[in-house]
Protein backbone atom coordinates (compact mmCIF):
# COMPACT_ATOMS: atom_id res chain seq x y z
CA MET A 1 -2.48 -37.41 -113.93
CA LEU A 2 -5.18 -37.57 -111.23
CA LEU A 3 -5.19 -34.30 -109.17
CA PRO A 4 -7.07 -33.79 -105.92
CA ILE A 5 -9.03 -30.96 -107.68
CA LYS A 6 -12.84 -30.94 -107.44
CA PRO A 7 -15.96 -28.67 -107.51
CA ILE A 8 -17.56 -28.29 -103.98
CA CYS A 9 -20.32 -26.29 -102.61
CA ARG A 10 -20.23 -25.02 -99.05
CA THR A 11 -23.97 -25.88 -98.24
CA LYS A 12 -23.41 -24.89 -94.49
CA LYS A 13 -22.20 -21.45 -95.18
CA LEU A 14 -25.14 -19.55 -96.80
CA HIS A 15 -25.14 -15.72 -98.15
CA PRO A 16 -28.38 -13.60 -96.71
CA ASP A 17 -30.18 -14.32 -99.93
CA GLY A 18 -29.89 -18.10 -99.13
CA THR A 19 -27.47 -18.97 -101.81
CA ALA A 20 -24.08 -20.91 -101.30
CA THR A 21 -20.81 -20.38 -103.20
CA VAL A 22 -19.22 -23.07 -105.43
CA PHE A 23 -15.66 -23.41 -105.12
CA ILE A 24 -12.91 -25.50 -106.84
CA GLN A 25 -10.98 -27.39 -104.14
CA TYR A 26 -7.28 -27.95 -104.23
CA CYS A 27 -5.79 -30.58 -101.88
CA TYR A 28 -2.21 -29.88 -102.29
CA ASN A 29 -0.75 -32.15 -99.65
CA ALA A 30 -2.27 -34.74 -97.19
CA THR A 31 -3.31 -32.02 -94.83
CA GLN A 32 -3.59 -28.70 -96.64
CA ARG A 33 -6.03 -27.27 -99.11
CA THR A 34 -7.13 -24.23 -100.75
CA LEU A 35 -10.36 -23.11 -102.12
CA LEU A 36 -10.67 -21.18 -105.41
CA HIS A 37 -13.47 -18.96 -105.95
CA THR A 38 -15.42 -19.48 -109.10
CA GLY A 39 -17.90 -16.64 -108.68
CA ILE A 40 -20.97 -18.96 -108.93
CA LYS A 41 -23.65 -19.00 -106.26
CA ILE A 42 -26.73 -21.31 -106.15
CA PRO A 43 -29.20 -22.52 -103.61
CA PRO A 44 -27.53 -25.46 -101.91
CA THR A 45 -30.65 -27.65 -102.70
CA TYR A 46 -29.58 -27.69 -106.30
CA TRP A 47 -26.01 -29.13 -105.48
CA ASN A 48 -25.52 -32.80 -106.44
CA LYS A 49 -22.83 -33.50 -103.98
CA LYS A 50 -22.27 -37.24 -105.44
CA GLN A 51 -21.83 -35.98 -108.99
CA ARG A 52 -20.38 -32.62 -108.07
CA CYS A 53 -22.56 -30.66 -110.31
CA ILE A 54 -25.66 -28.32 -110.51
CA THR A 55 -28.79 -30.28 -110.96
CA LYS A 56 -31.05 -29.34 -113.88
CA GLN A 57 -33.91 -28.45 -111.54
CA LEU A 58 -31.95 -24.98 -110.93
CA PRO A 59 -34.68 -22.26 -111.18
CA GLY A 60 -33.78 -20.04 -114.22
CA THR A 61 -33.47 -16.91 -111.85
CA HIS A 62 -30.20 -18.50 -110.82
CA GLY A 63 -28.81 -19.17 -114.38
CA ASP A 64 -28.67 -22.12 -116.88
CA HIS A 65 -27.57 -25.24 -115.16
CA GLU A 66 -25.87 -26.62 -118.30
CA ALA A 67 -23.96 -23.34 -118.91
CA LEU A 68 -22.79 -23.16 -115.24
CA ASN A 69 -21.83 -26.83 -115.19
CA LYS A 70 -19.84 -26.27 -118.23
CA GLU A 71 -18.10 -23.05 -116.71
CA LEU A 72 -17.40 -25.08 -113.65
CA THR A 73 -15.66 -27.88 -115.90
CA ARG A 74 -13.61 -25.16 -117.56
CA LEU A 75 -12.48 -23.56 -114.21
CA GLN A 76 -11.65 -27.08 -112.93
CA THR A 77 -9.26 -27.58 -115.89
CA ILE A 78 -7.47 -24.32 -115.52
CA ALA A 79 -7.01 -25.30 -111.56
CA GLU A 80 -5.45 -28.48 -112.81
CA ASP A 81 -3.15 -27.07 -115.45
CA LEU A 82 -2.11 -24.52 -112.76
CA ALA A 83 -1.29 -27.33 -110.41
CA THR A 84 0.53 -29.40 -113.10
CA GLN A 85 2.57 -26.25 -113.99
CA ALA A 86 3.35 -25.66 -110.34
CA ILE A 87 4.66 -29.31 -109.95
CA LYS A 88 6.57 -29.05 -113.34
CA MET A 89 8.37 -25.71 -112.45
CA LYS A 90 9.20 -27.15 -108.90
CA ILE A 91 7.28 -24.11 -107.19
CA SER A 92 7.84 -24.40 -103.49
CA ASP A 93 4.46 -23.38 -102.34
CA LYS A 94 2.01 -24.88 -104.91
CA GLY A 95 -1.14 -23.98 -103.06
CA LEU A 96 -0.11 -20.43 -102.85
CA PHE A 97 0.83 -20.32 -106.56
CA VAL A 98 -2.57 -21.77 -107.62
CA LYS A 99 -4.34 -19.65 -105.27
CA GLN A 100 -2.98 -16.47 -106.38
CA SER A 101 -2.97 -17.45 -110.19
CA PHE A 102 -6.45 -18.57 -110.36
CA SER A 103 -9.22 -16.40 -111.61
CA PRO A 104 -12.66 -16.99 -113.05
CA SER A 105 -11.62 -14.78 -115.94
CA LEU A 106 -8.36 -16.64 -116.64
CA GLU A 107 -8.14 -18.29 -120.00
CA LEU A 108 -6.43 -21.66 -120.74
CA THR A 109 -4.01 -19.67 -123.37
CA ASP A 110 -2.91 -17.31 -120.50
CA ILE A 111 -1.51 -20.18 -118.13
CA ASP A 112 1.92 -20.26 -119.54
CA GLU A 113 2.31 -16.55 -119.32
CA GLN A 114 0.96 -16.50 -115.78
CA VAL A 115 3.38 -19.28 -114.72
CA LYS A 116 6.44 -17.43 -115.99
CA GLU A 117 5.33 -14.26 -114.02
CA VAL A 118 4.99 -16.16 -110.74
CA VAL A 119 8.17 -18.15 -111.21
CA GLN A 120 10.03 -14.81 -111.91
CA ARG A 121 8.43 -13.20 -109.00
CA GLU A 122 9.11 -16.31 -106.64
CA ALA A 123 12.85 -16.22 -107.90
CA GLU A 124 12.94 -12.73 -106.78
CA VAL A 125 11.71 -13.48 -103.33
CA ARG A 126 13.94 -16.37 -102.90
CA LYS A 127 16.95 -14.30 -104.10
CA SER A 128 15.96 -11.46 -101.58
CA LYS A 129 15.58 -13.89 -98.82
CA LEU A 130 19.15 -15.16 -99.58
CA ASP A 131 20.67 -11.68 -99.01
CA ILE A 132 23.18 -12.06 -96.35
CA TYR A 133 21.81 -9.07 -94.46
CA TYR A 134 18.14 -10.28 -94.61
CA GLN A 135 19.15 -13.57 -93.06
CA PHE A 136 21.36 -11.79 -90.37
CA ASP A 137 18.22 -9.86 -89.40
CA GLU A 138 16.39 -12.99 -89.32
CA TYR A 139 19.13 -14.92 -87.24
CA ILE A 140 19.02 -11.75 -84.60
CA LEU A 141 15.34 -12.12 -84.44
CA SER A 142 15.54 -15.83 -83.74
CA LYS A 143 18.04 -15.14 -80.84
CA GLN A 144 15.97 -12.39 -79.18
CA ARG A 145 14.46 -14.47 -76.37
CA LYS A 146 17.64 -16.65 -76.07
CA VAL A 147 20.46 -14.14 -75.48
CA SER A 148 21.14 -11.04 -73.54
CA LYS A 149 20.66 -7.47 -75.14
CA ALA A 150 24.49 -6.94 -74.92
CA THR A 151 24.95 -10.29 -77.18
CA LEU A 152 22.28 -8.89 -79.53
CA THR A 153 24.27 -5.84 -79.88
CA VAL A 154 27.34 -7.76 -80.77
CA TYR A 155 25.28 -9.52 -83.53
CA GLY A 156 24.58 -6.19 -84.73
CA ASN A 157 28.05 -5.05 -84.77
CA VAL A 158 29.17 -8.16 -86.82
CA LYS A 159 26.42 -7.24 -89.54
CA SER A 160 27.88 -3.57 -89.48
CA HIS A 161 31.37 -4.86 -89.96
CA LEU A 162 30.21 -6.90 -92.87
CA GLN A 163 28.54 -3.96 -94.57
CA ALA A 164 31.60 -1.87 -93.96
CA PHE A 165 34.01 -4.24 -95.68
CA GLU A 166 31.63 -4.68 -98.45
CA LYS A 167 31.62 -1.08 -99.10
CA TYR A 168 35.37 -0.76 -98.59
CA ARG A 169 36.21 -3.52 -101.28
CA LYS A 170 33.24 -2.51 -103.48
CA GLN A 171 32.11 -6.02 -103.98
CA LYS A 172 28.90 -7.58 -102.82
CA ILE A 173 29.05 -10.28 -100.12
CA THR A 174 27.03 -13.32 -100.61
CA PHE A 175 27.00 -16.67 -98.88
CA SER A 176 29.24 -17.89 -101.83
CA SER A 177 31.79 -15.19 -100.82
CA PHE A 178 32.76 -17.30 -97.63
CA ASP A 179 36.13 -18.84 -98.47
CA PHE A 180 39.64 -18.76 -97.12
CA SER A 181 40.53 -15.56 -99.19
CA PHE A 182 37.38 -13.79 -97.82
CA TYR A 183 38.63 -14.68 -94.20
CA GLU A 184 42.00 -13.42 -94.99
CA ASP A 185 40.76 -10.09 -96.41
CA PHE A 186 38.21 -9.55 -93.82
CA VAL A 187 40.50 -10.05 -90.87
CA ASP A 188 43.01 -7.76 -92.56
CA TYR A 189 40.51 -5.01 -93.21
CA LEU A 190 39.38 -5.12 -89.69
CA THR A 191 42.92 -4.91 -88.33
CA PHE A 192 44.14 -2.11 -90.60
CA GLU A 193 41.30 -0.42 -92.17
CA HIS A 194 38.14 -0.43 -90.17
CA VAL A 195 37.37 2.93 -88.67
CA HIS A 196 35.16 3.16 -85.62
CA MET A 197 34.43 5.50 -82.59
CA ARG A 198 35.24 4.99 -79.17
CA ARG A 199 34.64 7.71 -76.56
CA GLN A 200 34.34 10.22 -79.30
CA THR A 201 37.68 9.41 -80.70
CA ILE A 202 38.24 8.02 -84.15
CA LEU A 203 40.14 4.76 -84.15
CA THR A 204 41.27 2.45 -86.75
CA GLY A 205 41.19 -1.33 -86.39
CA PRO A 206 39.83 -3.01 -83.09
CA LYS A 207 41.63 -5.25 -80.83
CA LEU A 208 42.67 -8.77 -81.79
CA ASN A 209 40.11 -10.29 -79.41
CA THR A 210 37.15 -8.00 -80.72
CA ILE A 211 38.19 -9.26 -84.32
CA GLY A 212 38.07 -12.81 -83.00
CA LYS A 213 34.56 -12.26 -81.34
CA THR A 214 33.45 -10.79 -84.77
CA ILE A 215 34.78 -14.16 -86.48
CA LYS A 216 33.13 -16.35 -83.67
CA HIS A 217 29.83 -14.71 -84.30
CA LEU A 218 30.07 -14.78 -87.95
CA ARG A 219 30.69 -18.62 -87.93
CA GLY A 220 27.77 -19.13 -85.54
CA PHE A 221 25.46 -17.18 -87.85
CA ILE A 222 26.52 -19.30 -90.92
CA LYS A 223 26.49 -22.54 -89.14
CA ASP A 224 22.87 -21.69 -88.08
CA ARG A 225 21.80 -20.67 -91.45
CA VAL A 226 23.19 -24.26 -92.76
CA LYS A 227 21.52 -26.08 -90.01
CA ARG A 228 18.27 -24.60 -90.86
CA LYS A 229 18.73 -25.78 -94.37
CA ILE A 230 18.63 -22.07 -95.89
CA ILE A 231 22.00 -22.29 -97.51
CA PRO A 232 24.12 -25.21 -98.54
CA SER A 233 26.98 -26.34 -96.17
CA ILE A 234 30.09 -24.09 -96.03
CA ASP A 235 33.59 -25.27 -94.84
CA LEU A 236 34.46 -22.99 -92.11
CA THR A 237 37.68 -24.91 -91.08
CA ASP A 238 40.08 -22.16 -91.99
CA PHE A 239 37.99 -19.53 -90.26
CA LYS A 240 40.16 -19.43 -87.15
CA ILE A 241 39.35 -17.15 -84.16
CA PRO A 242 42.14 -15.04 -83.69
CA GLU A 243 42.66 -14.10 -79.92
CA GLU A 244 45.36 -13.11 -77.16
CA GLU A 245 45.29 -13.29 -73.57
CA SER A 246 43.31 -10.11 -72.45
CA ASP A 247 45.14 -7.55 -70.37
CA ALA A 248 42.81 -6.74 -67.86
CA ILE A 249 43.19 -5.83 -64.22
CA TYR A 250 41.48 -7.01 -60.85
CA LEU A 251 41.43 -5.14 -57.63
CA THR A 252 42.74 -6.54 -54.54
CA HIS A 253 40.52 -6.58 -51.23
CA ASP A 254 42.61 -3.49 -50.11
CA GLU A 255 41.71 -1.81 -53.25
CA ILE A 256 38.22 -2.50 -53.07
CA ALA A 257 38.15 -1.35 -49.34
CA ALA A 258 39.83 1.84 -50.36
CA ILE A 259 37.06 2.48 -53.11
CA TYR A 260 34.37 1.67 -50.51
CA GLN A 261 35.90 4.17 -47.95
CA ALA A 262 36.66 6.90 -50.44
CA ASP A 263 35.48 10.38 -49.30
CA LEU A 264 32.75 11.28 -51.76
CA THR A 265 31.41 14.36 -49.69
CA ASP A 266 32.11 16.52 -52.68
CA HIS A 267 30.71 14.05 -55.21
CA PRO A 268 27.37 12.62 -53.45
CA HIS A 269 26.12 11.70 -57.04
CA LEU A 270 29.03 8.85 -57.25
CA VAL A 271 27.90 7.16 -54.06
CA GLU A 272 25.47 4.83 -55.92
CA TYR A 273 27.87 4.11 -58.54
CA ARG A 274 30.62 3.22 -55.95
CA ASP A 275 28.21 1.09 -54.02
CA LEU A 276 27.03 -0.99 -56.83
CA PHE A 277 30.43 -1.50 -58.02
CA VAL A 278 31.71 -2.70 -54.45
CA LEU A 279 28.51 -5.04 -54.34
CA ALA A 280 29.50 -6.43 -57.77
CA CYS A 281 33.17 -6.95 -56.45
CA LEU A 282 31.72 -9.03 -53.68
CA THR A 283 29.23 -11.13 -55.64
CA GLY A 284 30.89 -11.49 -59.14
CA LEU A 285 27.78 -10.26 -60.89
CA ARG A 286 27.84 -8.80 -64.44
CA PHE A 287 26.70 -5.24 -65.14
CA SER A 288 23.56 -6.72 -66.82
CA ASP A 289 22.75 -8.37 -63.60
CA PHE A 290 23.64 -6.00 -60.82
CA SER A 291 22.25 -3.01 -62.41
CA THR A 292 18.76 -4.89 -62.43
CA LEU A 293 18.57 -6.35 -58.84
CA ARG A 294 15.32 -6.23 -57.22
CA PRO A 295 14.55 -6.30 -53.26
CA GLU A 296 12.82 -9.73 -54.00
CA ASP A 297 16.24 -11.05 -55.19
CA LEU A 298 17.34 -11.35 -51.36
CA GLN A 299 16.36 -14.37 -49.56
CA ARG A 300 17.65 -15.58 -46.34
CA ASP A 301 20.81 -13.53 -46.61
CA MET A 302 21.33 -14.75 -50.18
CA LEU A 303 20.94 -13.36 -53.54
CA TYR A 304 18.83 -15.42 -56.02
CA LYS A 305 19.60 -14.10 -59.61
CA LYS A 306 19.01 -15.40 -63.02
CA GLN A 307 21.62 -14.19 -65.18
CA GLU A 308 20.72 -12.43 -68.13
CA LYS A 309 23.61 -13.66 -70.31
CA SER A 310 23.43 -17.36 -69.75
CA ASP A 311 19.91 -17.56 -68.49
CA HIS A 312 21.20 -19.51 -65.59
CA TRP A 313 20.30 -19.18 -62.06
CA VAL A 314 22.79 -18.50 -59.43
CA ILE A 315 22.74 -18.25 -55.57
CA ILE A 316 25.09 -16.04 -53.93
CA PRO A 317 25.98 -15.76 -50.21
CA LEU A 318 26.35 -12.04 -48.85
CA ARG A 319 28.93 -10.61 -46.83
CA GLU A 320 27.79 -8.08 -44.14
CA GLU A 321 29.09 -5.24 -46.36
CA ALA A 322 27.35 -6.63 -49.55
CA LYS A 323 24.06 -7.12 -47.59
CA LEU A 324 24.39 -3.52 -46.24
CA ILE A 325 24.78 -2.11 -49.57
CA PHE A 326 22.21 -4.15 -51.01
CA THR A 327 19.62 -3.13 -48.65
CA ARG A 328 20.42 0.41 -48.90
CA GLN A 329 20.27 0.53 -52.70
CA SER A 330 17.09 -1.43 -52.66
CA LYS A 331 15.58 1.12 -50.33
CA ASP A 332 16.48 4.00 -52.63
CA LYS A 333 15.52 1.92 -55.67
CA ILE A 334 18.60 1.10 -58.02
CA PRO A 335 18.78 3.81 -60.67
CA ALA A 336 18.74 3.21 -64.30
CA LEU A 337 22.23 2.87 -65.49
CA THR A 338 24.13 2.68 -68.69
CA ASN A 339 27.27 0.72 -69.00
CA PRO A 340 29.45 3.62 -70.58
CA GLU A 341 28.13 6.07 -67.87
CA PHE A 342 28.84 3.62 -65.10
CA ASN A 343 32.45 3.17 -66.42
CA ARG A 344 32.98 6.68 -66.63
CA HIS A 345 32.08 7.32 -63.07
CA ILE A 346 33.85 4.36 -61.54
CA LYS A 347 37.17 5.61 -63.03
CA THR A 348 36.71 8.77 -61.30
CA ILE A 349 35.87 7.01 -57.96
CA GLY A 350 39.09 4.93 -58.54
CA LYS A 351 41.05 8.00 -59.01
CA LEU A 352 39.51 9.51 -55.86
CA ALA A 353 40.55 6.38 -54.00
CA ASP A 354 44.06 6.84 -54.99
CA ILE A 355 44.54 3.85 -57.21
CA THR A 356 47.13 5.41 -59.29
CA ARG A 357 49.79 2.99 -59.87
CA LEU A 358 51.00 3.05 -63.44
CA ILE A 359 49.91 -0.23 -65.49
CA LYS A 360 51.33 -1.11 -68.78
CA PHE A 361 49.35 -3.34 -70.98
CA SER A 362 49.88 -4.40 -74.66
CA TYR A 363 47.93 -5.64 -77.58
CA LYS A 364 48.59 -6.76 -81.04
CA LYS A 365 47.92 -4.94 -84.17
CA GLY A 366 49.05 -7.12 -86.99
CA ASN A 367 52.55 -8.05 -86.35
CA THR A 368 53.04 -4.91 -83.95
CA ASN A 369 52.73 -4.97 -80.31
CA VAL A 370 51.04 -1.70 -79.15
CA VAL A 371 52.07 -0.75 -75.45
CA VAL A 372 49.65 1.56 -73.48
CA ALA A 373 50.41 2.94 -69.94
CA LYS A 374 47.75 4.34 -67.78
CA PRO A 375 47.15 4.69 -64.13
CA LYS A 376 45.34 1.77 -62.83
CA TYR A 377 42.05 3.43 -62.16
CA ASP A 378 41.82 4.32 -66.00
CA TRP A 379 41.68 0.56 -66.45
CA ILE A 380 38.70 0.01 -64.37
CA THR A 381 35.42 -1.17 -65.98
CA SER A 382 32.24 -2.53 -64.75
CA HIS A 383 33.72 -6.10 -65.50
CA THR A 384 36.70 -5.44 -63.32
CA ALA A 385 34.18 -6.18 -60.43
CA ARG A 386 33.46 -9.79 -61.82
CA ARG A 387 37.07 -10.30 -62.47
CA SER A 388 38.14 -9.18 -58.97
CA PHE A 389 35.66 -11.49 -57.26
CA CYS A 390 36.93 -14.51 -59.18
CA THR A 391 40.63 -13.79 -58.64
CA ASN A 392 40.26 -12.91 -54.98
CA GLU A 393 38.20 -15.97 -54.23
CA PHE A 394 40.84 -18.11 -56.32
CA LEU A 395 43.75 -16.58 -54.24
CA ALA A 396 42.08 -17.06 -50.94
CA GLY A 397 41.87 -20.76 -51.79
CA THR A 398 38.20 -21.25 -52.45
CA PRO A 399 37.73 -24.24 -54.66
CA VAL A 400 37.22 -23.43 -58.26
CA GLU A 401 33.93 -25.52 -58.46
CA LEU A 402 32.32 -23.37 -55.77
CA ILE A 403 33.45 -20.15 -57.18
CA MET A 404 32.05 -21.16 -60.67
CA LYS A 405 28.57 -22.05 -58.79
CA ILE A 406 28.57 -18.35 -57.80
CA SER A 407 30.04 -16.70 -61.08
CA GLY A 408 27.83 -18.79 -63.17
CA HIS A 409 30.73 -20.09 -65.48
CA LYS A 410 29.86 -23.45 -66.99
CA ARG A 411 33.54 -24.38 -68.18
CA THR A 412 36.58 -24.19 -66.22
CA LYS A 413 38.33 -23.03 -69.45
CA ASP A 414 36.17 -19.90 -69.48
CA PHE A 415 36.57 -19.38 -65.64
CA TYR A 416 40.33 -19.32 -65.87
CA LYS A 417 40.32 -16.46 -68.34
CA TYR A 418 38.98 -14.30 -65.56
CA ILE A 419 41.96 -15.00 -63.13
CA ARG A 420 44.40 -12.16 -63.21
CA ILE A 421 47.48 -12.48 -61.07
CA THR A 422 51.00 -11.21 -61.19
CA PRO A 423 54.23 -13.42 -61.27
CA GLU A 424 54.86 -12.09 -57.71
CA GLU A 425 51.50 -12.84 -56.48
CA ALA A 426 51.75 -16.50 -57.91
CA ALA A 427 55.19 -16.89 -56.12
CA ARG A 428 53.89 -15.68 -52.92
CA ARG A 429 50.80 -18.01 -52.92
CA ILE A 430 53.05 -20.96 -53.87
CA LYS A 431 55.42 -20.07 -50.98
CA GLU A 432 52.18 -19.76 -48.67
CA LEU A 433 51.22 -23.28 -49.62
CA TRP A 434 54.73 -24.70 -49.06
CA MET A 435 54.61 -23.29 -45.61
CA GLU A 436 51.08 -24.91 -45.10
CA ARG A 437 52.88 -28.12 -46.04
CA ASN A 438 55.73 -27.59 -43.70
CA GLU A 439 57.76 -26.63 -46.76
CA MET A 440 58.03 -30.23 -47.99
CA LYS A 441 61.64 -30.51 -46.52
CA LEU A 442 64.13 -32.89 -47.90
CA ILE A 443 66.54 -32.72 -44.86
CA LYS A 444 65.47 -33.37 -41.41
CA GLY A 445 67.03 -30.79 -39.01
CA GLY A 446 68.67 -27.50 -40.07
CA ALA A 447 71.05 -26.64 -42.73
CA ASN A 448 74.21 -27.60 -40.84
CA THR A 449 72.69 -31.09 -40.03
CA GLU A 450 74.12 -34.02 -41.53
CA ARG A 451 72.34 -34.67 -44.78
CA LYS A 452 69.62 -37.36 -44.46
CA VAL A 453 67.35 -37.64 -47.26
CA VAL A 454 63.82 -38.34 -46.56
CA SER A 455 60.82 -39.46 -48.72
CA VAL A 456 58.66 -36.73 -49.97
């Protein structure tokens, strides 16, 4: 077999003593090559480029030209044997293999043993790289510039859930583990066995939507690894994403006003939290966005903000109250906030604003409905502000397409998940629409008038 392996002398790169190194050059594909150091150095004048050998005029002080040419032939043969073995053993990086294996002191009889060692080493590396947690770390790394920090945290949680499940069932998880039995066992574990902390309270089993989020991102991770041809295709048809309608509140305009006007004289440290929450209620911004506002985001009475989660620009008109809050906060510089801290303080503010009506919500745990009743202020979170903006604008009759331009929702399906209205509110709104359409009467005149049907 003709291999692209030949001796060369780098005549343009000289050592301080005027000599140049002779290499064995291995071109292992059309564009890449590697140089194998022979340890032979000669003055470039005595290199025959055409015949690729050392000329007989080489002074004796630099060695015997016949012996050196014989050594070059031996080293070239070793390089050729190494390359042939790399091809035969289907070693992925042939150039690296030959580079790492080649040595002027290597003997032809040692090549088979050298190949075995490298193949074994490469197999171990490949095995380690197919470790699911190694790949998850690589996946998270690839997403760092594309998703928000909150989403990266979710990815990390999925990895933690897998590790906890692996420890629980005492069986290593590999990519070949992902079948329907794994899916059922994993969901069952998360539902009934997984122990986690929430607000210093030990809980067993996250809510159904949290489990659904875990399955959703696990599927995304596996599909990404398949798409990159790191692993073979995996059938995820049965990896259904469990979900239920989220029980979450929104605040009416009157309740937002009550929070804005709450007397915080005895709690001055809560003012900045109150103002930012109200600003979010009037703009629909997420915590990751309203907590990072800057003075330059305000232009011509509108907020220009690139959303961290979607990497999407939104332009939000400001009401007078919102502009006043933003100007005041920008002057004092918006403080560094954490979401848990913000949620804790806004609940206190809701209580001071007397938003205390008892609210009951339920969620599924296996086949059981768990009912939780708490005062409304205790259900408030930073995301309540965004949900309140979307719901209030929807109830006010603002076209959904316009609300989505401000909220940054790309799909109508996702937007409607934010709408939180009670059956009474829905009935009242329908009645208002009927009134605007003159009730769409079927009979002219009053109730005692002779019935005369008209077209609708």
